[in-house]
Amino acid sequence: MIRFRCVLLLTIVTIVSALTGRYTLAEDRPSSTLAFTRGYGELHFDTGVLKGTLGEGGKSLGLRPVTHIASSVQMAGAFGILSPYRLLTADARFGTAAWDWVSKSDLLADGAARVRWAPDKEHPLEMTGVYRWAANDTLDLDLTVRPQRDLRQFELFLASYFDGFPTSLACVQQPTSANGFGPFMEAVKTGGDWQTFPRDKAAAAIYSDGRWNRPPNPVTWKMMPRLAAPLALRRDAKSGLTAVLMSRPNDCFAVSMPYGEEGHRSLYLSLFGRDLKQGQEVSAGTRLVIGKNITENRALELYRAYRKK
């Protein structure tokens, strides 16, 4: 009778907990290696493949430092990886960079890191970024914005700066491609110092509306072939490492980069690219995969898997 009562009580607790969300099966709990941990004013990670810091010293600089553990390669440049940078509209540039915009970070129950930026006199919007490890070599970043006023053709320019990685490529259209994806086009010096690969004609028009003429550090972009997918690579032949950066077509309207060996060693995703109404909450997703000797075909497989997510 006592055993029966114990089993019955356990069954009731399990049902009630499932309904209230207070009980989590062991296999549903986040793996400790895929969870961020709290440091002094910053967050840390060690996935077994990559280790480093998010928000170093409390600054809004994305991931920096980042170390590939097996090869001891330091991957992140001075301004970090997956770091929100310029906030632009057809009419204004908000602040110099999101790097200067005060942010606060916390940890979510599943081990993800959440970074929040509150509206202020220079930034008429609130922004939230959730960084979540999908695998020990794969990081997802979901960015959400809510404007405090109407914004025309809003763009969140997401930056990733690498240390080394002198080869840079974008996935461009090729009409004869049977699978709908063209080859990866390398960004070389003869193509211009600053190259942008737009999604379509409307995306190219956004880059030409004057937003990139606003100081500081105005940029003249060279228009390159249209994207087959918002997918780009940075390669480091010395270590064999490749960084694969991707988004979804509806979330990302251009991929940009300097030529490969230019000193910034960067990749940029232009997110949103549409009119936003006051109070309208919108989100855009990105994924970063770091691995050894990732081929173009493997990068396409990773992208297709992300599209199905």
C-alpha atoms as a PDB file:
ATOM      1  CA  MET A   1       0.000   0.000   0.000  1.00  0.00           C
ATOM      2  CA  ILE A   2       2.830   2.410   0.883  1.00  0.00           C
ATOM      3  CA  ARG A   3       4.590   1.620  -2.393  1.00  0.00           C
ATOM      4  CA  PHE A   4       1.343   2.213  -4.312  1.00  0.00           C
ATOM      5  CA  ARG A   5       0.861   5.571  -2.630  1.00  0.00           C
ATOM      6  CA  CYS A   6       4.442   6.633  -3.474  1.00  0.00           C
ATOM      7  CA  VAL A   7       4.005   5.689  -7.115  1.00  0.00           C
ATOM      8  CA  LEU A   8       0.651   7.509  -7.236  1.00  0.00           C
ATOM      9  CA  LEU A   9       2.157  10.619  -5.601  1.00  0.00           C
ATOM     10  CA  LEU A  10       5.092  10.629  -8.031  1.00  0.00           C
ATOM     11  CA  THR A  11       2.682  10.329 -10.966  1.00  0.00           C
ATOM     12  CA  ILE A  12       0.600  13.254  -9.722  1.00  0.00           C
ATOM     13  CA  VAL A  13       3.696  15.424  -9.152  1.00  0.00           C
ATOM     14  CA  THR A  14       4.963  14.623 -12.625  1.00  0.00           C
ATOM     15  CA  ILE A  15       1.645  15.563 -14.264  1.00  0.00           C
ATOM     16  CA  VAL A  16       1.267  18.768 -12.273  1.00  0.00           C
ATOM     17  CA  SER A  17       4.886  19.758 -12.898  1.00  0.00           C
ATOM     18  CA  ALA A  18       4.522  19.168 -16.618  1.00  0.00           C
ATOM     19  CA  LEU A  19       1.430  21.355 -16.704  1.00  0.00           C
ATOM     20  CA  THR A  20       3.090  24.142 -14.719  1.00  0.00           C
ATOM     21  CA  GLY A  21       6.433  23.915 -16.488  1.00  0.00           C
ATOM     22  CA  ARG A  22       8.320  23.420 -13.205  1.00  0.00           C
ATOM     23  CA  TYR A  23       9.689  19.995 -14.005  1.00  0.00           C
ATOM     24  CA  THR A  24      12.205  19.286 -16.737  1.00  0.00           C
ATOM     25  CA  LEU A  25      13.314  15.851 -17.842  1.00  0.00           C
ATOM     26  CA  ALA A  26      17.055  15.296 -17.607  1.00  0.00           C
ATOM     27  CA  GLU A  27      17.437  15.011 -21.371  1.00  0.00           C
ATOM     28  CA  ASP A  28      15.729  18.418 -21.775  1.00  0.00           C
ATOM     29  CA  ARG A  29      18.083  20.262 -19.457  1.00  0.00           C
ATOM     30  CA  PRO A  30      20.731  22.401 -21.161  1.00  0.00           C
ATOM     31  CA  SER A  31      24.150  20.809 -21.403  1.00  0.00           C
ATOM     32  CA  SER A  32      26.601  22.673 -19.206  1.00  0.00           C
ATOM     33  CA  THR A  33      29.070  22.854 -22.093  1.00  0.00           C
ATOM     34  CA  LEU A  34      26.504  24.734 -24.167  1.00  0.00           C
ATOM     35  CA  ALA A  35      25.538  27.168 -21.422  1.00  0.00           C
ATOM     36  CA  PHE A  36      26.998  30.605 -20.847  1.00  0.00           C
ATOM     37  CA  THR A  37      28.270  31.303 -17.346  1.00  0.00           C
ATOM     38  CA  ARG A  38      28.468  34.559 -15.449  1.00  0.00           C
ATOM     39  CA  GLY A  39      31.737  36.386 -14.861  1.00  0.00           C
ATOM     40  CA  TYR A  40      32.520  39.849 -13.514  1.00  0.00           C
ATOM     41  CA  GLY A  41      30.317  42.091 -15.653  1.00  0.00           C
ATOM     42  CA  GLU A  42      30.575  39.691 -18.593  1.00  0.00           C
ATOM     43  CA  LEU A  43      29.540  36.184 -19.678  1.00  0.00           C
ATOM     44  CA  HIS A  44      31.781  33.236 -20.543  1.00  0.00           C
ATOM     45  CA  PHE A  45      31.507  30.053 -22.588  1.00  0.00           C
ATOM     46  CA  ASP A  46      33.495  26.843 -23.065  1.00  0.00           C
ATOM     47  CA  THR A  47      31.804  24.419 -25.429  1.00  0.00           C
ATOM     48  CA  GLY A  48      34.753  22.051 -25.687  1.00  0.00           C
ATOM     49  CA  VAL A  49      35.428  23.389 -29.185  1.00  0.00           C
ATOM     50  CA  LEU A  50      35.332  27.133 -28.557  1.00  0.00           C
ATOM     51  CA  LYS A  51      35.844  29.203 -25.443  1.00  0.00           C
ATOM     52  CA  GLY A  52      35.704  32.913 -24.780  1.00  0.00           C
ATOM     53  CA  THR A  53      33.687  35.846 -23.546  1.00  0.00           C
ATOM     54  CA  LEU A  54      30.506  37.698 -24.460  1.00  0.00           C
ATOM     55  CA  GLY A  55      30.453  41.383 -23.544  1.00  0.00           C
ATOM     56  CA  GLU A  56      34.060  41.619 -22.413  1.00  0.00           C
ATOM     57  CA  GLY A  57      34.381  44.137 -19.590  1.00  0.00           C
ATOM     58  CA  GLY A  58      30.665  44.919 -19.857  1.00  0.00           C
ATOM     59  CA  LYS A  59      31.055  46.359 -23.368  1.00  0.00           C
ATOM     60  CA  SER A  60      28.688  45.684 -26.282  1.00  0.00           C
ATOM     61  CA  LEU A  61      31.290  44.021 -28.493  1.00  0.00           C
ATOM     62  CA  GLY A  62      29.779  40.610 -29.104  1.00  0.00           C
ATOM     63  CA  LEU A  63      32.110  37.630 -28.709  1.00  0.00           C
ATOM     64  CA  ARG A  64      35.655  38.591 -27.787  1.00  0.00           C
ATOM     65  CA  PRO A  65      38.004  36.864 -27.183  1.00  0.00           C
ATOM     66  CA  VAL A  66      37.182  33.586 -28.941  1.00  0.00           C
ATOM     67  CA  THR A  67      39.638  30.683 -28.922  1.00  0.00           C
ATOM     68  CA  HIS A  68      39.440  27.525 -30.997  1.00  0.00           C
ATOM     69  CA  ILE A  69      40.591  25.126 -28.287  1.00  0.00           C
ATOM     70  CA  ALA A  70      42.170  22.310 -30.311  1.00  0.00           C
ATOM     71  CA  SER A  71      44.359  24.637 -32.380  1.00  0.00           C
ATOM     72  CA  SER A  72      44.754  27.447 -29.789  1.00  0.00           C
ATOM     73  CA  VAL A  73      43.823  29.958 -32.514  1.00  0.00           C
ATOM     74  CA  GLN A  74      42.557  33.325 -31.291  1.00  0.00           C
ATOM     75  CA  MET A  75      39.751  34.102 -33.710  1.00  0.00           C
ATOM     76  CA  ALA A  76      38.118  37.417 -32.780  1.00  0.00           C
ATOM     77  CA  GLY A  77      39.243  40.823 -33.987  1.00  0.00           C
ATOM     78  CA  ALA A  78      39.211  44.032 -31.965  1.00  0.00           C
ATOM     79  CA  PHE A  79      35.471  44.684 -32.303  1.00  0.00           C
ATOM     80  CA  GLY A  80      34.238  41.153 -31.761  1.00  0.00           C
ATOM     81  CA  ILE A  81      32.157  38.546 -33.547  1.00  0.00           C
ATOM     82  CA  LEU A  82      28.365  38.823 -33.931  1.00  0.00           C
ATOM     83  CA  SER A  83      28.487  42.396 -32.693  1.00  0.00           C
ATOM     84  CA  PRO A  84      25.636  44.841 -33.516  1.00  0.00           C
ATOM     85  CA  TYR A  85      27.308  47.832 -35.167  1.00  0.00           C
ATOM     86  CA  ARG A  86      25.538  50.568 -37.154  1.00  0.00           C
ATOM     87  CA  LEU A  87      21.854  51.365 -36.695  1.00  0.00           C
ATOM     88  CA  LEU A  88      20.598  53.091 -39.829  1.00  0.00           C
ATOM     89  CA  THR A  89      17.456  54.304 -41.525  1.00  0.00           C
ATOM     90  CA  ALA A  90      16.805  56.197 -44.740  1.00  0.00           C
ATOM     91  CA  ASP A  91      16.758  59.364 -42.615  1.00  0.00           C
ATOM     92  CA  ALA A  92      19.224  58.916 -39.747  1.00  0.00           C
ATOM     93  CA  ARG A  93      22.111  57.114 -38.124  1.00  0.00           C
ATOM     94  CA  PHE A  94      21.556  56.385 -34.434  1.00  0.00           C
ATOM     95  CA  GLY A  95      24.732  56.991 -32.469  1.00  0.00           C
ATOM     96  CA  THR A  96      28.173  56.115 -33.759  1.00  0.00           C
ATOM     97  CA  ALA A  97      27.825  52.392 -33.139  1.00  0.00           C
ATOM     98  CA  ALA A  98      25.896  50.027 -30.902  1.00  0.00           C
ATOM     99  CA  TRP A  99      29.290  49.370 -29.299  1.00  0.00           C
ATOM    100  CA  ASP A 100      28.835  52.696 -27.480  1.00  0.00           C
ATOM    101  CA  TRP A 101      25.235  51.948 -26.474  1.00  0.00           C
ATOM    102  CA  VAL A 102      25.005  50.749 -22.870  1.00  0.00           C
ATOM    103  CA  SER A 103      23.699  47.194 -22.583  1.00  0.00           C
ATOM    104  CA  LYS A 104      22.857  44.740 -19.817  1.00  0.00           C
ATOM    105  CA  SER A 105      23.220  40.979 -20.006  1.00  0.00           C
ATOM    106  CA  ASP A 106      21.679  38.078 -18.133  1.00  0.00           C
ATOM    107  CA  LEU A 107      21.336  34.325 -18.368  1.00  0.00           C
ATOM    108  CA  LEU A 108      18.222  32.453 -19.467  1.00  0.00           C
ATOM    109  CA  ALA A 109      17.064  29.159 -17.978  1.00  0.00           C
ATOM    110  CA  ASP A 110      18.316  27.132 -20.954  1.00  0.00           C
ATOM    111  CA  GLY A 111      21.844  28.554 -20.692  1.00  0.00           C
ATOM    112  CA  ALA A 112      21.418  31.188 -23.409  1.00  0.00           C
ATOM    113  CA  ALA A 113      22.718  34.725 -22.929  1.00  0.00           C
ATOM    114  CA  ARG A 114      20.396  37.692 -23.328  1.00  0.00           C
ATOM    115  CA  VAL A 115      21.727  41.195 -23.996  1.00  0.00           C
ATOM    116  CA  ARG A 116      19.353  44.172 -23.777  1.00  0.00           C
ATOM    117  CA  TRP A 117      19.730  47.759 -24.943  1.00  0.00           C
ATOM    118  CA  ALA A 118      17.212  50.319 -23.628  1.00  0.00           C
ATOM    119  CA  PRO A 119      16.025  53.359 -25.618  1.00  0.00           C
ATOM    120  CA  ASP A 120      17.836  56.624 -24.922  1.00  0.00           C
ATOM    121  CA  LYS A 121      18.131  60.066 -26.516  1.00  0.00           C
ATOM    122  CA  GLU A 122      20.378  58.739 -29.320  1.00  0.00           C
ATOM    123  CA  HIS A 123      18.613  55.413 -29.874  1.00  0.00           C
ATOM    124  CA  PRO A 124      14.828  55.573 -30.372  1.00  0.00           C
ATOM    125  CA  LEU A 125      14.386  51.818 -30.082  1.00  0.00           C
ATOM    126  CA  GLU A 126      14.893  48.951 -27.686  1.00  0.00           C
ATOM    127  CA  MET A 127      16.944  45.984 -28.831  1.00  0.00           C
ATOM    128  CA  THR A 128      17.460  42.474 -27.481  1.00  0.00           C
ATOM    129  CA  GLY A 129      19.959  39.854 -28.598  1.00  0.00           C
ATOM    130  CA  VAL A 130      19.766  36.220 -27.491  1.00  0.00           C
ATOM    131  CA  TYR A 131      22.954  34.205 -28.028  1.00  0.00           C
ATOM    132  CA  ARG A 132      22.340  30.457 -27.830  1.00  0.00           C
ATOM    133  CA  TRP A 133      24.722  27.568 -28.561  1.00  0.00           C
ATOM    134  CA  ALA A 134      22.959  25.122 -30.885  1.00  0.00           C
ATOM    135  CA  ALA A 135      26.007  22.810 -30.880  1.00  0.00           C
ATOM    136  CA  ASN A 136      29.574  23.039 -29.608  1.00  0.00           C
ATOM    137  CA  ASP A 137      30.646  24.692 -32.879  1.00  0.00           C
ATOM    138  CA  THR A 138      27.393  26.525 -33.715  1.00  0.00           C
ATOM    139  CA  LEU A 139      26.038  29.747 -32.219  1.00  0.00           C
ATOM    140  CA  ASP A 140      22.632  31.278 -32.977  1.00  0.00           C
ATOM    141  CA  LEU A 141      21.895  34.957 -32.440  1.00  0.00           C
ATOM    142  CA  ASP A 142      18.307  36.190 -32.545  1.00  0.00           C
ATOM    143  CA  LEU A 143      17.917  39.972 -32.552  1.00  0.00           C
ATOM    144  CA  THR A 144      14.644  41.729 -31.723  1.00  0.00           C
ATOM    145  CA  VAL A 145      13.933  45.448 -32.023  1.00  0.00           C
ATOM    146  CA  ARG A 146      10.972  47.553 -30.945  1.00  0.00           C
ATOM    147  CA  PRO A 147      11.080  51.176 -32.191  1.00  0.00           C
ATOM    148  CA  GLN A 148       9.785  54.110 -30.179  1.00  0.00           C
ATOM    149  CA  ARG A 149       8.813  55.912 -33.395  1.00  0.00           C
ATOM    150  CA  ASP A 150       8.273  55.007 -37.024  1.00  0.00           C
ATOM    151  CA  LEU A 151      11.526  54.048 -38.751  1.00  0.00           C
ATOM    152  CA  ARG A 152      11.927  54.151 -42.525  1.00  0.00           C
ATOM    153  CA  GLN A 153      13.926  51.297 -44.101  1.00  0.00           C
ATOM    154  CA  PHE A 154      15.537  50.309 -40.793  1.00  0.00           C
ATOM    155  CA  GLU A 155      18.863  48.468 -40.961  1.00  0.00           C
ATOM    156  CA  LEU A 156      20.771  46.708 -38.207  1.00  0.00           C
ATOM    157  CA  PHE A 157      24.322  46.238 -39.501  1.00  0.00           C
ATOM    158  CA  LEU A 158      25.713  43.174 -37.700  1.00  0.00           C
ATOM    159  CA  ALA A 159      29.512  42.904 -37.697  1.00  0.00           C
ATOM    160  CA  SER A 160      31.954  40.038 -37.223  1.00  0.00           C
ATOM    161  CA  TYR A 161      35.687  40.810 -37.078  1.00  0.00           C
ATOM    162  CA  PHE A 162      38.287  38.071 -37.254  1.00  0.00           C
ATOM    163  CA  ASP A 163      41.961  37.820 -36.386  1.00  0.00           C
ATOM    164  CA  GLY A 164      43.592  36.314 -39.465  1.00  0.00           C
ATOM    165  CA  PHE A 165      41.135  34.604 -41.841  1.00  0.00           C
ATOM    166  CA  PRO A 166      42.362  36.402 -44.984  1.00  0.00           C
ATOM    167  CA  THR A 167      39.980  34.735 -47.450  1.00  0.00           C
ATOM    168  CA  SER A 168      36.400  35.990 -47.699  1.00  0.00           C
ATOM    169  CA  LEU A 169      33.568  34.633 -49.859  1.00  0.00           C
ATOM    170  CA  ALA A 170      29.867  35.214 -50.509  1.00  0.00           C
ATOM    171  CA  CYS A 171      27.281  32.870 -52.027  1.00  0.00           C
ATOM    172  CA  VAL A 172      26.068  34.487 -55.262  1.00  0.00           C
ATOM    173  CA  GLN A 173      23.527  33.661 -57.932  1.00  0.00           C
ATOM    174  CA  GLN A 174      24.323  31.714 -61.043  1.00  0.00           C
ATOM    175  CA  PRO A 175      21.362  31.269 -63.414  1.00  0.00           C
ATOM    176  CA  THR A 176      22.642  27.968 -64.754  1.00  0.00           C
ATOM    177  CA  SER A 177      22.943  26.410 -61.306  1.00  0.00           C
ATOM    178  CA  ALA A 178      20.622  23.413 -61.148  1.00  0.00           C
ATOM    179  CA  ASN A 179      20.214  23.540 -57.369  1.00  0.00           C
ATOM    180  CA  GLY A 180      19.441  27.247 -57.177  1.00  0.00           C
ATOM    181  CA  PHE A 181      22.716  28.191 -55.536  1.00  0.00           C
ATOM    182  CA  GLY A 182      25.627  29.698 -57.359  1.00  0.00           C
ATOM    183  CA  PRO A 183      29.302  29.355 -56.538  1.00  0.00           C
ATOM    184  CA  PHE A 184      30.965  31.189 -53.698  1.00  0.00           C
ATOM    185  CA  MET A 185      32.594  34.341 -55.024  1.00  0.00           C
ATOM    186  CA  GLU A 186      35.805  35.447 -53.366  1.00  0.00           C
ATOM    187  CA  ALA A 187      36.118  39.118 -52.412  1.00  0.00           C
ATOM    188  CA  VAL A 188      39.429  40.159 -54.012  1.00  0.00           C
ATOM    189  CA  LYS A 189      41.111  43.566 -54.145  1.00  0.00           C
ATOM    190  CA  THR A 190      40.297  44.156 -57.808  1.00  0.00           C
ATOM    191  CA  GLY A 191      36.616  44.064 -56.850  1.00  0.00           C
ATOM    192  CA  GLY A 192      37.017  47.113 -54.614  1.00  0.00           C
ATOM    193  CA  ASP A 193      37.935  47.825 -51.015  1.00  0.00           C
ATOM    194  CA  TRP A 194      34.349  47.513 -49.748  1.00  0.00           C
ATOM    195  CA  GLN A 195      31.972  45.101 -51.448  1.00  0.00           C
ATOM    196  CA  THR A 196      28.281  44.461 -50.845  1.00  0.00           C
ATOM    197  CA  PHE A 197      26.208  41.593 -52.211  1.00  0.00           C
ATOM    198  CA  PRO A 198      22.513  42.637 -52.177  1.00  0.00           C
ATOM    199  CA  ARG A 199      19.571  40.272 -52.059  1.00  0.00           C
ATOM    200  CA  ASP A 200      17.732  42.012 -54.904  1.00  0.00           C
ATOM    201  CA  LYS A 201      17.181  45.352 -56.634  1.00  0.00           C
ATOM    202  CA  ALA A 202      15.308  46.806 -53.651  1.00  0.00           C
ATOM    203  CA  ALA A 203      18.170  45.866 -51.330  1.00  0.00           C
ATOM    204  CA  ALA A 204      20.697  47.561 -53.605  1.00  0.00           C
ATOM    205  CA  ALA A 205      18.572  50.709 -53.515  1.00  0.00           C
ATOM    206  CA  ILE A 206      18.746  50.807 -49.701  1.00  0.00           C
ATOM    207  CA  TYR A 207      22.549  50.883 -49.857  1.00  0.00           C
ATOM    208  CA  SER A 208      22.336  53.810 -52.271  1.00  0.00           C
ATOM    209  CA  ASP A 209      19.928  56.038 -50.294  1.00  0.00           C
ATOM    210  CA  GLY A 210      22.664  58.082 -48.609  1.00  0.00           C
ATOM    211  CA  ARG A 211      22.828  56.293 -45.249  1.00  0.00           C
ATOM    212  CA  TRP A 212      26.436  55.253 -45.807  1.00  0.00           C
ATOM    213  CA  ASN A 213      27.533  58.837 -46.441  1.00  0.00           C
ATOM    214  CA  ARG A 214      26.823  59.847 -42.856  1.00  0.00           C
ATOM    215  CA  PRO A 215      29.893  60.283 -40.625  1.00  0.00           C
ATOM    216  CA  PRO A 216      31.807  58.977 -38.868  1.00  0.00           C
ATOM    217  CA  ASN A 217      33.625  56.622 -41.217  1.00  0.00           C
ATOM    218  CA  PRO A 218      31.436  56.889 -44.337  1.00  0.00           C
ATOM    219  CA  VAL A 219      31.785  53.986 -46.747  1.00  0.00           C
ATOM    220  CA  THR A 220      31.450  53.780 -50.526  1.00  0.00           C
ATOM    221  CA  TRP A 221      30.248  50.298 -51.347  1.00  0.00           C
ATOM    222  CA  LYS A 222      30.905  48.515 -54.632  1.00  0.00           C
ATOM    223  CA  MET A 223      27.767  46.687 -55.755  1.00  0.00           C
ATOM    224  CA  MET A 224      28.519  43.053 -56.427  1.00  0.00           C
ATOM    225  CA  PRO A 225      26.428  40.176 -57.865  1.00  0.00           C
ATOM    226  CA  ARG A 226      23.136  39.306 -56.216  1.00  0.00           C
ATOM    227  CA  LEU A 227      23.069  36.821 -53.369  1.00  0.00           C
ATOM    228  CA  ALA A 228      21.926  33.265 -53.911  1.00  0.00           C
ATOM    229  CA  ALA A 229      21.653  33.021 -50.127  1.00  0.00           C
ATOM    230  CA  PRO A 230      22.653  35.228 -47.159  1.00  0.00           C
ATOM    231  CA  LEU A 231      25.694  33.059 -46.579  1.00  0.00           C
ATOM    232  CA  ALA A 232      29.369  34.028 -46.294  1.00  0.00           C
ATOM    233  CA  LEU A 233      32.687  32.473 -45.323  1.00  0.00           C
ATOM    234  CA  ARG A 234      35.968  33.585 -43.782  1.00  0.00           C
ATOM    235  CA  ARG A 235      38.853  31.144 -44.139  1.00  0.00           C
ATOM    236  CA  ASP A 236      42.224  30.808 -42.460  1.00  0.00           C
ATOM    237  CA  ALA A 237      44.392  28.479 -44.534  1.00  0.00           C
ATOM    238  CA  LYS A 238      47.143  28.355 -41.910  1.00  0.00           C
ATOM    239  CA  SER A 239      44.904  26.802 -39.241  1.00  0.00           C
ATOM    240  CA  GLY A 240      42.373  25.190 -41.580  1.00  0.00           C
ATOM    241  CA  LEU A 241      39.566  26.981 -39.759  1.00  0.00           C
ATOM    242  CA  THR A 242      36.507  28.383 -41.519  1.00  0.00           C
ATOM    243  CA  ALA A 243      33.840  30.700 -40.114  1.00  0.00           C
ATOM    244  CA  VAL A 244      30.442  30.260 -41.777  1.00  0.00           C
ATOM    245  CA  LEU A 245      27.966  33.101 -41.246  1.00  0.00           C
ATOM    246  CA  MET A 246      24.349  32.904 -42.376  1.00  0.00           C
ATOM    247  CA  SER A 247      20.849  34.304 -42.009  1.00  0.00           C
ATOM    248  CA  ARG A 248      17.457  33.822 -43.656  1.00  0.00           C
ATOM    249  CA  PRO A 249      16.458  35.636 -46.879  1.00  0.00           C
ATOM    250  CA  ASN A 250      13.589  37.485 -45.216  1.00  0.00           C
ATOM    251  CA  ASP A 251      15.828  38.588 -42.331  1.00  0.00           C
ATOM    252  CA  CYS A 252      18.945  39.672 -44.229  1.00  0.00           C
ATOM    253  CA  PHE A 253      18.930  41.914 -47.313  1.00  0.00           C
ATOM    254  CA  ALA A 254      22.697  42.117 -47.970  1.00  0.00           C
ATOM    255  CA  VAL A 255      26.028  40.539 -47.083  1.00  0.00           C
ATOM    256  CA  SER A 256      29.043  42.861 -47.121  1.00  0.00           C
ATOM    257  CA  MET A 257      32.794  42.614 -46.637  1.00  0.00           C
ATOM    258  CA  PRO A 258      36.094  44.209 -47.545  1.00  0.00           C
ATOM    259  CA  TYR A 259      38.371  42.258 -49.867  1.00  0.00           C
ATOM    260  CA  GLY A 260      39.811  39.294 -48.010  1.00  0.00           C
ATOM    261  CA  GLU A 261      43.220  40.556 -46.908  1.00  0.00           C
ATOM    262  CA  GLU A 262      42.082  44.089 -46.030  1.00  0.00           C
ATOM    263  CA  GLY A 263      42.891  44.835 -42.395  1.00  0.00           C
ATOM    264  CA  HIS A 264      39.367  44.695 -40.962  1.00  0.00           C
ATOM    265  CA  ARG A 265      39.001  40.961 -41.772  1.00  0.00           C
ATOM    266  CA  SER A 266      35.265  41.369 -41.380  1.00  0.00           C
ATOM    267  CA  LEU A 267      31.887  40.057 -42.506  1.00  0.00           C
ATOM    268  CA  TYR A 268      28.655  42.049 -42.201  1.00  0.00           C
ATOM    269  CA  LEU A 269      24.981  41.122 -42.358  1.00  0.00           C
ATOM    270  CA  SER A 270      22.420  43.845 -43.102  1.00  0.00           C
ATOM    271  CA  LEU A 271      19.301  42.820 -41.188  1.00  0.00           C
ATOM    272  CA  PHE A 272      15.638  43.878 -41.529  1.00  0.00           C
ATOM    273  CA  GLY A 273      15.708  46.504 -44.356  1.00  0.00           C
ATOM    274  CA  ARG A 274      12.065  47.534 -44.092  1.00  0.00           C
ATOM    275  CA  ASP A 275       9.769  50.148 -42.599  1.00  0.00           C
ATOM    276  CA  LEU A 276       8.954  49.659 -38.918  1.00  0.00           C
ATOM    277  CA  LYS A 277       6.026  51.178 -37.071  1.00  0.00           C
ATOM    278  CA  GLN A 278       6.244  52.596 -33.564  1.00  0.00           C
ATOM    279  CA  GLY A 279       5.879  49.745 -31.064  1.00  0.00           C
ATOM    280  CA  GLN A 280       6.194  47.043 -33.740  1.00  0.00           C
ATOM    281  CA  GLU A 281       8.375  44.163 -32.524  1.00  0.00           C
ATOM    282  CA  VAL A 282      10.376  42.390 -35.223  1.00  0.00           C
ATOM    283  CA  SER A 283      13.112  39.765 -35.090  1.00  0.00           C
ATOM    284  CA  ALA A 284      15.935  38.495 -37.297  1.00  0.00           C
ATOM    285  CA  GLY A 285      18.071  35.400 -36.893  1.00  0.00           C
ATOM    286  CA  THR A 286      21.694  34.569 -37.676  1.00  0.00           C
ATOM    287  CA  ARG A 287      23.951  31.543 -37.209  1.00  0.00           C
ATOM    288  CA  LEU A 288      27.725  31.189 -36.946  1.00  0.00           C
ATOM    289  CA  VAL A 289      29.506  27.849 -37.443  1.00  0.00           C
ATOM    290  CA  ILE A 290      33.236  27.399 -36.822  1.00  0.00           C
ATOM    291  CA  GLY A 291      35.006  24.312 -38.091  1.00  0.00           C
ATOM    292  CA  LYS A 292      38.050  22.793 -39.744  1.00  0.00           C
ATOM    293  CA  ASN A 293      38.233  22.529 -43.529  1.00  0.00           C
ATOM    294  CA  ILE A 294      34.582  23.347 -44.203  1.00  0.00           C
ATOM    295  CA  THR A 295      34.017  23.092 -47.956  1.00  0.00           C
ATOM    296  CA  GLU A 296      31.593  25.214 -49.964  1.00  0.00           C
ATOM    297  CA  ASN A 297      29.286  22.216 -50.323  1.00  0.00           C
ATOM    298  CA  ARG A 298      29.367  21.647 -46.569  1.00  0.00           C
ATOM    299  CA  ALA A 299      28.592  25.324 -45.996  1.00  0.00           C
ATOM    300  CA  LEU A 300      25.513  24.957 -48.215  1.00  0.00           C
ATOM    301  CA  GLU A 301      24.426  21.900 -46.213  1.00  0.00           C
ATOM    302  CA  LEU A 302      24.791  23.879 -42.990  1.00  0.00           C
ATOM    303  CA  TYR A 303      22.740  26.696 -44.474  1.00  0.00           C
ATOM    304  CA  ARG A 304      19.947  24.388 -45.593  1.00  0.00           C
ATOM    305  CA  ALA A 305      19.839  22.848 -42.118  1.00  0.00           C
ATOM    306  CA  TYR A 306      19.529  26.317 -40.623  1.00  0.00           C
ATOM    307  CA  ARG A 307      16.683  27.202 -43.002  1.00  0.00           C
ATOM    308  CA  LYS A 308      14.767  24.175 -41.672  1.00  0.00           C
ATOM    309  CA  LYS A 309      15.293  25.216 -38.042  1.00  0.00           C
END
